[in-house]
Amino acid sequence: MKIIMKKPGEKPEVIEIENKLSALQEAVGGYIEVLPIAEDICVLCNEEGKLLGLPHNIVLCGDILVGTILIVGVAGEEFCDLPDFMITLLMGDNDD
């Protein structure tokens, strides 16, 4: 599926990742915590990231997220591609 991945200290990037729990867990480096940010979008991060002392990534809705995060689409109870318009909106102009 087509999503956005943001690693600490790096710019976000659009990636293709297999829509399997094991692939998502590998990407965030552990158990997944799901943080809904809209009806059809959520952020996935490492559930134990703060306990493990992972590096600061971003602040979202007043919460500090650490480690690698994934921004994915949601369809019902399943993760899916992030819509192209949302990728464009979230990525902004990253052609520095």
PDB file of N, CA and C in Angstrom:
ATOM      1  N   MET A   1       0.842  -1.180   0.000  1.00  0.00           N
ATOM      2  CA  MET A   1       0.000   0.000   0.000  1.00  0.00           C
ATOM      3  C   MET A   1       0.883   1.238   0.000  1.00  0.00           C
ATOM      4  N   LYS A   2       0.349   2.314  -0.496  1.00  0.00           N
ATOM      5  CA  LYS A   2       1.080   3.575  -0.638  1.00  0.00           C
ATOM      6  C   LYS A   2       0.801   4.455   0.584  1.00  0.00           C
ATOM      7  N   ILE A   3       1.871   4.784   1.325  1.00  0.00           N
ATOM      8  CA  ILE A   3       1.735   5.525   2.576  1.00  0.00           C
ATOM      9  C   ILE A   3       2.864   6.550   2.704  1.00  0.00           C
ATOM     10  N   ILE A   4       2.834   7.308   3.799  1.00  0.00           N
ATOM     11  CA  ILE A   4       3.930   8.215   4.122  1.00  0.00           C
ATOM     12  C   ILE A   4       4.670   7.654   5.330  1.00  0.00           C
ATOM     13  N   MET A   5       5.996   7.601   5.234  1.00  0.00           N
ATOM     14  CA  MET A   5       6.836   7.202   6.353  1.00  0.00           C
ATOM     15  C   MET A   5       7.682   8.407   6.754  1.00  0.00           C
ATOM     16  N   LYS A   6       7.763   8.664   8.053  1.00  0.00           N
ATOM     17  CA  LYS A   6       8.583   9.766   8.574  1.00  0.00           C
ATOM     18  C   LYS A   6       9.496   9.207   9.659  1.00  0.00           C
ATOM     19  N   LYS A   7      10.798   9.272   9.401  1.00  0.00           N
ATOM     20  CA  LYS A   7      11.793   8.854  10.387  1.00  0.00           C
ATOM     21  C   LYS A   7      12.269  10.088  11.149  1.00  0.00           C
ATOM     22  N   PRO A   8      12.685   9.918  12.408  1.00  0.00           N
ATOM     23  CA  PRO A   8      13.172  11.062  13.179  1.00  0.00           C
ATOM     24  C   PRO A   8      14.323  11.771  12.470  1.00  0.00           C
ATOM     25  N   GLY A   9      14.238  13.098  12.431  1.00  0.00           N
ATOM     26  CA  GLY A   9      15.305  13.896  11.838  1.00  0.00           C
ATOM     27  C   GLY A   9      15.379  13.870  10.330  1.00  0.00           C
ATOM     28  N   GLU A  10      14.420  13.224   9.676  1.00  0.00           N
ATOM     29  CA  GLU A  10      14.407  13.135   8.215  1.00  0.00           C
ATOM     30  C   GLU A  10      13.086  13.672   7.679  1.00  0.00           C
ATOM     31  N   LYS A  11      13.099  14.015   6.399  1.00  0.00           N
ATOM     32  CA  LYS A  11      11.872  14.450   5.740  1.00  0.00           C
ATOM     33  C   LYS A  11      10.974  13.230   5.508  1.00  0.00           C
ATOM     34  N   PRO A  12       9.657  13.441   5.495  1.00  0.00           N
ATOM     35  CA  PRO A  12       8.754  12.326   5.181  1.00  0.00           C
ATOM     36  C   PRO A  12       8.949  11.865   3.742  1.00  0.00           C
ATOM     37  N   GLU A  13       8.659  10.591   3.515  1.00  0.00           N
ATOM     38  CA  GLU A  13       8.747  10.054   2.161  1.00  0.00           C
ATOM     39  C   GLU A  13       7.567   9.150   1.877  1.00  0.00           C
ATOM     40  N   VAL A  14       7.150   9.127   0.630  1.00  0.00           N
ATOM     41  CA  VAL A  14       6.077   8.244   0.193  1.00  0.00           C
ATOM     42  C   VAL A  14       6.713   6.897  -0.134  1.00  0.00           C
ATOM     43  N   ILE A  15       6.151   5.845   0.450  1.00  0.00           N
ATOM     44  CA  ILE A  15       6.690   4.498   0.230  1.00  0.00           C
ATOM     45  C   ILE A  15       5.559   3.531  -0.103  1.00  0.00           C
ATOM     46  N   GLU A  16       5.943   2.403  -0.644  1.00  0.00           N
ATOM     47  CA  GLU A  16       5.030   1.267  -0.832  1.00  0.00           C
ATOM     48  C   GLU A  16       5.427   0.230   0.223  1.00  0.00           C
ATOM     49  N   ILE A  17       4.435  -0.261   0.959  1.00  0.00           N
ATOM     50  CA  ILE A  17       4.697  -1.259   1.990  1.00  0.00           C
ATOM     51  C   ILE A  17       3.614  -2.325   1.920  1.00  0.00           C
ATOM     52  N   GLU A  18       3.990  -3.538   2.226  1.00  0.00           N
ATOM     53  CA  GLU A  18       3.032  -4.635   2.233  1.00  0.00           C
ATOM     54  C   GLU A  18       2.038  -4.408   3.371  1.00  0.00           C
ATOM     55  N   ASN A  19       0.770  -4.606   3.104  1.00  0.00           N
ATOM     56  CA  ASN A  19      -0.270  -4.394   4.111  1.00  0.00           C
ATOM     57  C   ASN A  19      -0.408  -5.638   4.990  1.00  0.00           C
ATOM     58  N   LYS A  20       0.644  -5.896   5.741  1.00  0.00           N
ATOM     59  CA  LYS A  20       0.680  -7.025   6.676  1.00  0.00           C
ATOM     60  C   LYS A  20       1.217  -6.518   8.002  1.00  0.00           C
ATOM     61  N   LEU A  21       0.702  -7.054   9.092  1.00  0.00           N
ATOM     62  CA  LEU A  21       1.130  -6.640  10.416  1.00  0.00           C
ATOM     63  C   LEU A  21       2.642  -6.736  10.568  1.00  0.00           C
ATOM     64  N   SER A  22       3.236  -7.817  10.088  1.00  0.00           N
ATOM     65  CA  SER A  22       4.680  -8.004  10.246  1.00  0.00           C
ATOM     66  C   SER A  22       5.474  -6.902   9.549  1.00  0.00           C
ATOM     67  N   ALA A  23       5.042  -6.477   8.364  1.00  0.00           N
ATOM     68  CA  ALA A  23       5.743  -5.421   7.633  1.00  0.00           C
ATOM     69  C   ALA A  23       5.596  -4.077   8.344  1.00  0.00           C
ATOM     70  N   LEU A  24       4.408  -3.806   8.868  1.00  0.00           N
ATOM     71  CA  LEU A  24       4.164  -2.553   9.579  1.00  0.00           C
ATOM     72  C   LEU A  24       4.961  -2.513  10.882  1.00  0.00           C
ATOM     73  N   GLN A  25       4.998  -3.641  11.591  1.00  0.00           N
ATOM     74  CA  GLN A  25       5.771  -3.709  12.830  1.00  0.00           C
ATOM     75  C   GLN A  25       7.265  -3.543  12.557  1.00  0.00           C
ATOM     76  N   GLU A  26       7.741  -4.124  11.492  1.00  0.00           N
ATOM     77  CA  GLU A  26       9.147  -3.976  11.133  1.00  0.00           C
ATOM     78  C   GLU A  26       9.470  -2.507  10.837  1.00  0.00           C
ATOM     79  N   ALA A  27       8.557  -1.827  10.160  1.00  0.00           N
ATOM     80  CA  ALA A  27       8.786  -0.431   9.796  1.00  0.00           C
ATOM     81  C   ALA A  27       8.880   0.480  11.021  1.00  0.00           C
ATOM     82  N   VAL A  28       8.046   0.227  12.044  1.00  0.00           N
ATOM     83  CA  VAL A  28       8.080   1.070  13.247  1.00  0.00           C
ATOM     84  C   VAL A  28       8.995   0.506  14.327  1.00  0.00           C
ATOM     85  N   GLY A  29       9.502  -0.690  14.124  1.00  0.00           N
ATOM     86  CA  GLY A  29      10.451  -1.275  15.071  1.00  0.00           C
ATOM     87  C   GLY A  29       9.830  -1.880  16.310  1.00  0.00           C
ATOM     88  N   GLY A  30       8.607  -2.374  16.218  1.00  0.00           N
ATOM     89  CA  GLY A  30       7.980  -3.016  17.373  1.00  0.00           C
ATOM     90  C   GLY A  30       6.475  -3.079  17.238  1.00  0.00           C
ATOM     91  N   TYR A  31       5.826  -3.258  18.388  1.00  0.00           N
ATOM     92  CA  TYR A  31       4.366  -3.323  18.408  1.00  0.00           C
ATOM     93  C   TYR A  31       3.779  -2.000  17.935  1.00  0.00           C
ATOM     94  N   ILE A  32       2.661  -2.085  17.248  1.00  0.00           N
ATOM     95  CA  ILE A  32       2.040  -0.906  16.637  1.00  0.00           C
ATOM     96  C   ILE A  32       1.013  -0.281  17.571  1.00  0.00           C
ATOM     97  N   GLU A  33       1.093   1.053  17.664  1.00  0.00           N
ATOM     98  CA  GLU A  33       0.044   1.841  18.295  1.00  0.00           C
ATOM     99  C   GLU A  33      -0.646   2.605  17.177  1.00  0.00           C
ATOM    100  N   VAL A  34      -1.973   2.580  17.167  1.00  0.00           N
ATOM    101  CA  VAL A  34      -2.763   3.251  16.133  1.00  0.00           C
ATOM    102  C   VAL A  34      -3.333   4.540  16.708  1.00  0.00           C
ATOM    103  N   LEU A  35      -3.020   5.659  16.057  1.00  0.00           N
ATOM    104  CA  LEU A  35      -3.504   6.966  16.487  1.00  0.00           C
ATOM    105  C   LEU A  35      -4.383   7.549  15.381  1.00  0.00           C
ATOM    106  N   PRO A  36      -5.713   7.486  15.536  1.00  0.00           N
ATOM    107  CA  PRO A  36      -6.594   8.059  14.512  1.00  0.00           C
ATOM    108  C   PRO A  36      -6.424   9.574  14.452  1.00  0.00           C
ATOM    109  N   ILE A  37      -6.314  10.118  13.222  1.00  0.00           N
ATOM    110  CA  ILE A  37      -6.252  11.575  13.078  1.00  0.00           C
ATOM    111  C   ILE A  37      -7.405  12.099  12.224  1.00  0.00           C
ATOM    112  N   ALA A  38      -8.109  11.205  11.583  1.00  0.00           N
ATOM    113  CA  ALA A  38      -9.321  11.526  10.831  1.00  0.00           C
ATOM    114  C   ALA A  38     -10.066  10.210  10.635  1.00  0.00           C
ATOM    115  N   GLU A  39     -11.264  10.291  10.108  1.00  0.00           N
ATOM    116  CA  GLU A  39     -12.066   9.074   9.920  1.00  0.00           C
ATOM    117  C   GLU A  39     -11.378   8.077   8.993  1.00  0.00           C
ATOM    118  N   ASP A  40     -10.624   8.598   8.021  1.00  0.00           N
ATOM    119  CA  ASP A  40     -10.022   7.717   7.024  1.00  0.00           C
ATOM    120  C   ASP A  40      -8.487   7.748   7.015  1.00  0.00           C
ATOM    121  N   ILE A  41      -7.876   8.287   8.086  1.00  0.00           N
ATOM    122  CA  ILE A  41      -6.419   8.379   8.172  1.00  0.00           C
ATOM    123  C   ILE A  41      -5.976   8.108   9.603  1.00  0.00           C
ATOM    124  N   CYS A  42      -4.874   7.388   9.761  1.00  0.00           N
ATOM    125  CA  CYS A  42      -4.309   7.213  11.090  1.00  0.00           C
ATOM    126  C   CYS A  42      -2.789   7.191  11.013  1.00  0.00           C
ATOM    127  N   VAL A  43      -2.177   7.376  12.169  1.00  0.00           N
ATOM    128  CA  VAL A  43      -0.732   7.308  12.305  1.00  0.00           C
ATOM    129  C   VAL A  43      -0.410   6.022  13.054  1.00  0.00           C
ATOM    130  N   LEU A  44       0.581   5.303  12.572  1.00  0.00           N
ATOM    131  CA  LEU A  44       1.069   4.111  13.253  1.00  0.00           C
ATOM    132  C   LEU A  44       2.446   4.427  13.809  1.00  0.00           C
ATOM    133  N   CYS A  45       2.662   4.067  15.063  1.00  0.00           N
ATOM    134  CA  CYS A  45       3.972   4.281  15.675  1.00  0.00           C
ATOM    135  C   CYS A  45       4.281   3.103  16.587  1.00  0.00           C
ATOM    136  N   ASN A  46       5.486   3.110  17.139  1.00  0.00           N
ATOM    137  CA  ASN A  46       5.911   2.051  18.049  1.00  0.00           C
ATOM    138  C   ASN A  46       5.237   2.286  19.398  1.00  0.00           C
ATOM    139  N   GLU A  47       4.443   1.307  19.828  1.00  0.00           N
ATOM    140  CA  GLU A  47       3.684   1.396  21.069  1.00  0.00           C
ATOM    141  C   GLU A  47       4.584   1.635  22.285  1.00  0.00           C
ATOM    142  N   GLU A  48       5.789   1.098  22.261  1.00  0.00           N
ATOM    143  CA  GLU A  48       6.711   1.214  23.394  1.00  0.00           C
ATOM    144  C   GLU A  48       7.841   2.206  23.123  1.00  0.00           C
ATOM    145  N   GLY A  49       7.676   3.050  22.092  1.00  0.00           N
ATOM    146  CA  GLY A  49       8.736   3.952  21.667  1.00  0.00           C
ATOM    147  C   GLY A  49       9.285   4.842  22.759  1.00  0.00           C
ATOM    148  N   LYS A  50       8.402   5.434  23.557  1.00  0.00           N
ATOM    149  CA  LYS A  50       8.858   6.325  24.634  1.00  0.00           C
ATOM    150  C   LYS A  50       9.592   5.535  25.712  1.00  0.00           C
ATOM    151  N   LEU A  51       9.078   4.363  26.053  1.00  0.00           N
ATOM    152  CA  LEU A  51       9.740   3.526  27.061  1.00  0.00           C
ATOM    153  C   LEU A  51      11.121   3.074  26.598  1.00  0.00           C
ATOM    154  N   LEU A  52      11.247   2.866  25.280  1.00  0.00           N
ATOM    155  CA  LEU A  52      12.525   2.423  24.715  1.00  0.00           C
ATOM    156  C   LEU A  52      13.492   3.581  24.469  1.00  0.00           C
ATOM    157  N   GLY A  53      13.012   4.802  24.659  1.00  0.00           N
ATOM    158  CA  GLY A  53      13.863   5.972  24.455  1.00  0.00           C
ATOM    159  C   GLY A  53      14.155   6.266  22.997  1.00  0.00           C
ATOM    160  N   LEU A  54      13.204   5.935  22.116  1.00  0.00           N
ATOM    161  CA  LEU A  54      13.403   6.224  20.697  1.00  0.00           C
ATOM    162  C   LEU A  54      13.468   7.737  20.489  1.00  0.00           C
ATOM    163  N   PRO A  55      14.169   8.178  19.449  1.00  0.00           N
ATOM    164  CA  PRO A  55      14.337   9.623  19.227  1.00  0.00           C
ATOM    165  C   PRO A  55      13.036  10.333  18.857  1.00  0.00           C
ATOM    166  N   HIS A  56      12.943  11.604  19.272  1.00  0.00           N
ATOM    167  CA  HIS A  56      11.796  12.461  18.979  1.00  0.00           C
ATOM    168  C   HIS A  56      11.581  12.551  17.471  1.00  0.00           C
ATOM    169  N   ASN A  57      10.333  12.490  17.058  1.00  0.00           N
ATOM    170  CA  ASN A  57      10.006  12.617  15.648  1.00  0.00           C
ATOM    171  C   ASN A  57       9.204  13.897  15.413  1.00  0.00           C
ATOM    172  N   ILE A  58       7.932  13.891  15.817  1.00  0.00           N
ATOM    173  CA  ILE A  58       7.066  15.066  15.628  1.00  0.00           C
ATOM    174  C   ILE A  58       6.138  15.212  16.831  1.00  0.00           C
ATOM    175  N   VAL A  59       5.489  16.371  16.899  1.00  0.00           N
ATOM    176  CA  VAL A  59       4.424  16.587  17.870  1.00  0.00           C
ATOM    177  C   VAL A  59       3.120  16.560  17.092  1.00  0.00           C
ATOM    178  N   LEU A  60       2.180  15.745  17.538  1.00  0.00           N
ATOM    179  CA  LEU A  60       0.883  15.614  16.873  1.00  0.00           C
ATOM    180  C   LEU A  60      -0.208  15.757  17.914  1.00  0.00           C
ATOM    181  N   CYS A  61      -1.047  16.757  17.754  1.00  0.00           N
ATOM    182  CA  CYS A  61      -2.156  16.998  18.687  1.00  0.00           C
ATOM    183  C   CYS A  61      -1.662  17.076  20.133  1.00  0.00           C
ATOM    184  N   GLY A  62      -0.526  17.725  20.336  1.00  0.00           N
ATOM    185  CA  GLY A  62       0.014  17.904  21.675  1.00  0.00           C
ATOM    186  C   GLY A  62       0.784  16.719  22.226  1.00  0.00           C
ATOM    187  N   ASP A  63       0.888  15.639  21.474  1.00  0.00           N
ATOM    188  CA  ASP A  63       1.608  14.449  21.927  1.00  0.00           C
ATOM    189  C   ASP A  63       2.918  14.329  21.146  1.00  0.00           C
ATOM    190  N   ILE A  64       3.988  14.008  21.847  1.00  0.00           N
ATOM    191  CA  ILE A  64       5.278  13.813  21.190  1.00  0.00           C
ATOM    192  C   ILE A  64       5.337  12.381  20.664  1.00  0.00           C
ATOM    193  N   LEU A  65       5.543  12.244  19.366  1.00  0.00           N
ATOM    194  CA  LEU A  65       5.701  10.921  18.763  1.00  0.00           C
ATOM    195  C   LEU A  65       7.188  10.668  18.562  1.00  0.00           C
ATOM    196  N   VAL A  66       7.595   9.449  18.858  1.00  0.00           N
ATOM    197  CA  VAL A  66       9.007   9.076  18.758  1.00  0.00           C
ATOM    198  C   VAL A  66       9.168   7.922  17.782  1.00  0.00           C
ATOM    199  N   GLY A  67      10.382   7.766  17.294  1.00  0.00           N
ATOM    200  CA  GLY A  67      10.663   6.685  16.357  1.00  0.00           C
ATOM    201  C   GLY A  67      10.027   6.933  15.004  1.00  0.00           C
ATOM    202  N   THR A  68      10.101   5.940  14.161  1.00  0.00           N
ATOM    203  CA  THR A  68       9.508   6.024  12.826  1.00  0.00           C
ATOM    204  C   THR A  68       7.992   5.972  12.930  1.00  0.00           C
ATOM    205  N   ILE A  69       7.321   6.841  12.174  1.00  0.00           N
ATOM    206  CA  ILE A  69       5.859   6.816  12.120  1.00  0.00           C
ATOM    207  C   ILE A  69       5.412   6.560  10.688  1.00  0.00           C
ATOM    208  N   LEU A  70       4.232   5.979  10.569  1.00  0.00           N
ATOM    209  CA  LEU A  70       3.618   5.717   9.274  1.00  0.00           C
ATOM    210  C   LEU A  70       2.261   6.404   9.251  1.00  0.00           C
ATOM    211  N   ILE A  71       1.955   7.088   8.166  1.00  0.00           N
ATOM    212  CA  ILE A  71       0.638   7.693   7.997  1.00  0.00           C
ATOM    213  C   ILE A  71      -0.061   6.885   6.910  1.00  0.00           C
ATOM    214  N   VAL A  72      -1.178   6.262   7.297  1.00  0.00           N
ATOM    215  CA  VAL A  72      -1.859   5.322   6.405  1.00  0.00           C
ATOM    216  C   VAL A  72      -3.327   5.680   6.260  1.00  0.00           C
ATOM    217  N   GLY A  73      -3.918   5.194   5.188  1.00  0.00           N
ATOM    218  CA  GLY A  73      -5.352   5.327   5.004  1.00  0.00           C
ATOM    219  C   GLY A  73      -6.079   4.261   5.798  1.00  0.00           C
ATOM    220  N   VAL A  74      -7.366   4.493   6.033  1.00  0.00           N
ATOM    221  CA  VAL A  74      -8.204   3.544   6.757  1.00  0.00           C
ATOM    222  C   VAL A  74      -9.498   3.366   5.983  1.00  0.00           C
ATOM    223  N   ALA A  75      -9.876   2.110   5.776  1.00  0.00           N
ATOM    224  CA  ALA A  75     -11.155   1.785   5.138  1.00  0.00           C
ATOM    225  C   ALA A  75     -11.863   0.777   6.033  1.00  0.00           C
ATOM    226  N   GLY A  76     -12.847   1.235   6.778  1.00  0.00           N
ATOM    227  CA  GLY A  76     -13.510   0.363   7.740  1.00  0.00           C
ATOM    228  C   GLY A  76     -12.546   0.028   8.861  1.00  0.00           C
ATOM    229  N   GLU A  77     -12.226  -1.256   8.990  1.00  0.00           N
ATOM    230  CA  GLU A  77     -11.292  -1.698  10.027  1.00  0.00           C
ATOM    231  C   GLU A  77      -9.938  -2.091   9.442  1.00  0.00           C
ATOM    232  N   GLU A  78      -9.717  -1.774   8.179  1.00  0.00           N
ATOM    233  CA  GLU A  78      -8.479  -2.156   7.490  1.00  0.00           C
ATOM    234  C   GLU A  78      -7.646  -0.936   7.143  1.00  0.00           C
ATOM    235  N   PHE A  79      -6.327  -1.117   7.133  1.00  0.00           N
ATOM    236  CA  PHE A  79      -5.433  -0.083   6.617  1.00  0.00           C
ATOM    237  C   PHE A  79      -5.439  -0.170   5.096  1.00  0.00           C
ATOM    238  N   CYS A  80      -5.197   0.970   4.438  1.00  0.00           N
ATOM    239  CA  CYS A  80      -5.197   1.001   2.978  1.00  0.00           C
ATOM    240  C   CYS A  80      -4.291   2.129   2.493  1.00  0.00           C
ATOM    241  N   ASP A  81      -4.218   2.270   1.162  1.00  0.00           N
ATOM    242  CA  ASP A  81      -3.452   3.370   0.569  1.00  0.00           C
ATOM    243  C   ASP A  81      -3.930   4.697   1.137  1.00  0.00           C
ATOM    244  N   LEU A  82      -2.980   5.596   1.325  1.00  0.00           N
ATOM    245  CA  LEU A  82      -3.314   6.970   1.653  1.00  0.00           C
ATOM    246  C   LEU A  82      -3.742   7.625   0.340  1.00  0.00           C
ATOM    247  N   PRO A  83      -4.902   8.285   0.300  1.00  0.00           N
ATOM    248  CA  PRO A  83      -5.346   8.902  -0.960  1.00  0.00           C
ATOM    249  C   PRO A  83      -4.319   9.909  -1.488  1.00  0.00           C
ATOM    250  N   ASP A  84      -4.185   9.969  -2.809  1.00  0.00           N
ATOM    251  CA  ASP A  84      -3.197  10.860  -3.439  1.00  0.00           C
ATOM    252  C   ASP A  84      -3.358  12.316  -3.006  1.00  0.00           C
ATOM    253  N   PHE A  85      -4.602  12.793  -2.893  1.00  0.00           N
ATOM    254  CA  PHE A  85      -4.792  14.189  -2.489  1.00  0.00           C
ATOM    255  C   PHE A  85      -4.269  14.424  -1.078  1.00  0.00           C
ATOM    256  N   MET A  86      -4.379  13.405  -0.210  1.00  0.00           N
ATOM    257  CA  MET A  86      -3.897  13.543   1.162  1.00  0.00           C
ATOM    258  C   MET A  86      -2.371  13.490   1.201  1.00  0.00           C
ATOM    259  N   ILE A  87      -1.776  12.663   0.347  1.00  0.00           N
ATOM    260  CA  ILE A  87      -0.313  12.627   0.251  1.00  0.00           C
ATOM    261  C   ILE A  87       0.194  14.003  -0.168  1.00  0.00           C
ATOM    262  N   THR A  88      -0.437  14.590  -1.183  1.00  0.00           N
ATOM    263  CA  THR A  88      -0.049  15.920  -1.657  1.00  0.00           C
ATOM    264  C   THR A  88      -0.188  16.951  -0.542  1.00  0.00           C
ATOM    265  N   LEU A  89      -1.298  16.905   0.178  1.00  0.00           N
ATOM    266  CA  LEU A  89      -1.540  17.848   1.265  1.00  0.00           C
ATOM    267  C   LEU A  89      -0.514  17.689   2.386  1.00  0.00           C
ATOM    268  N   LEU A  90      -0.266  16.459   2.799  1.00  0.00           N
ATOM    269  CA  LEU A  90       0.639  16.219   3.925  1.00  0.00           C
ATOM    270  C   LEU A  90       2.108  16.407   3.573  1.00  0.00           C
ATOM    271  N   MET A  91       2.470  16.118   2.343  1.00  0.00           N
ATOM    272  CA  MET A  91       3.874  16.246   1.944  1.00  0.00           C
ATOM    273  C   MET A  91       4.226  17.695   1.676  1.00  0.00           C
ATOM    274  N   GLY A  92       3.241  18.513   1.282  1.00  0.00           N
ATOM    275  CA  GLY A  92       3.536  19.914   0.979  1.00  0.00           C
ATOM    276  C   GLY A  92       4.571  20.007  -0.111  1.00  0.00           C
ATOM    277  N   ASP A  93       5.416  21.011  -0.029  1.00  0.00           N
ATOM    278  CA  ASP A  93       6.479  21.206  -1.023  1.00  0.00           C
ATOM    279  C   ASP A  93       7.800  20.797  -0.399  1.00  0.00           C
ATOM    280  N   ASN A  94       8.216  19.558  -0.642  1.00  0.00           N
ATOM    281  CA  ASN A  94       9.458  19.038  -0.070  1.00  0.00           C
ATOM    282  C   ASN A  94      10.588  19.038  -1.063  1.00  0.00           C
ATOM    283  N   ASP A  95      10.576  19.963  -2.029  1.00  0.00           N
ATOM    284  CA  ASP A  95      11.630  20.031  -3.040  1.00  0.00           C
ATOM    285  C   ASP A  95      12.719  21.034  -2.648  1.00  0.00           C
ATOM    286  N   ASP A  96      13.108  21.039  -1.372  1.00  0.00           N
ATOM    287  CA  ASP A  96      14.121  22.009  -0.883  1.00  0.00           C
ATOM    288  C   ASP A  96      15.407  21.891  -1.655  1.00  0.00           C
TER     289      ASP A  96
END
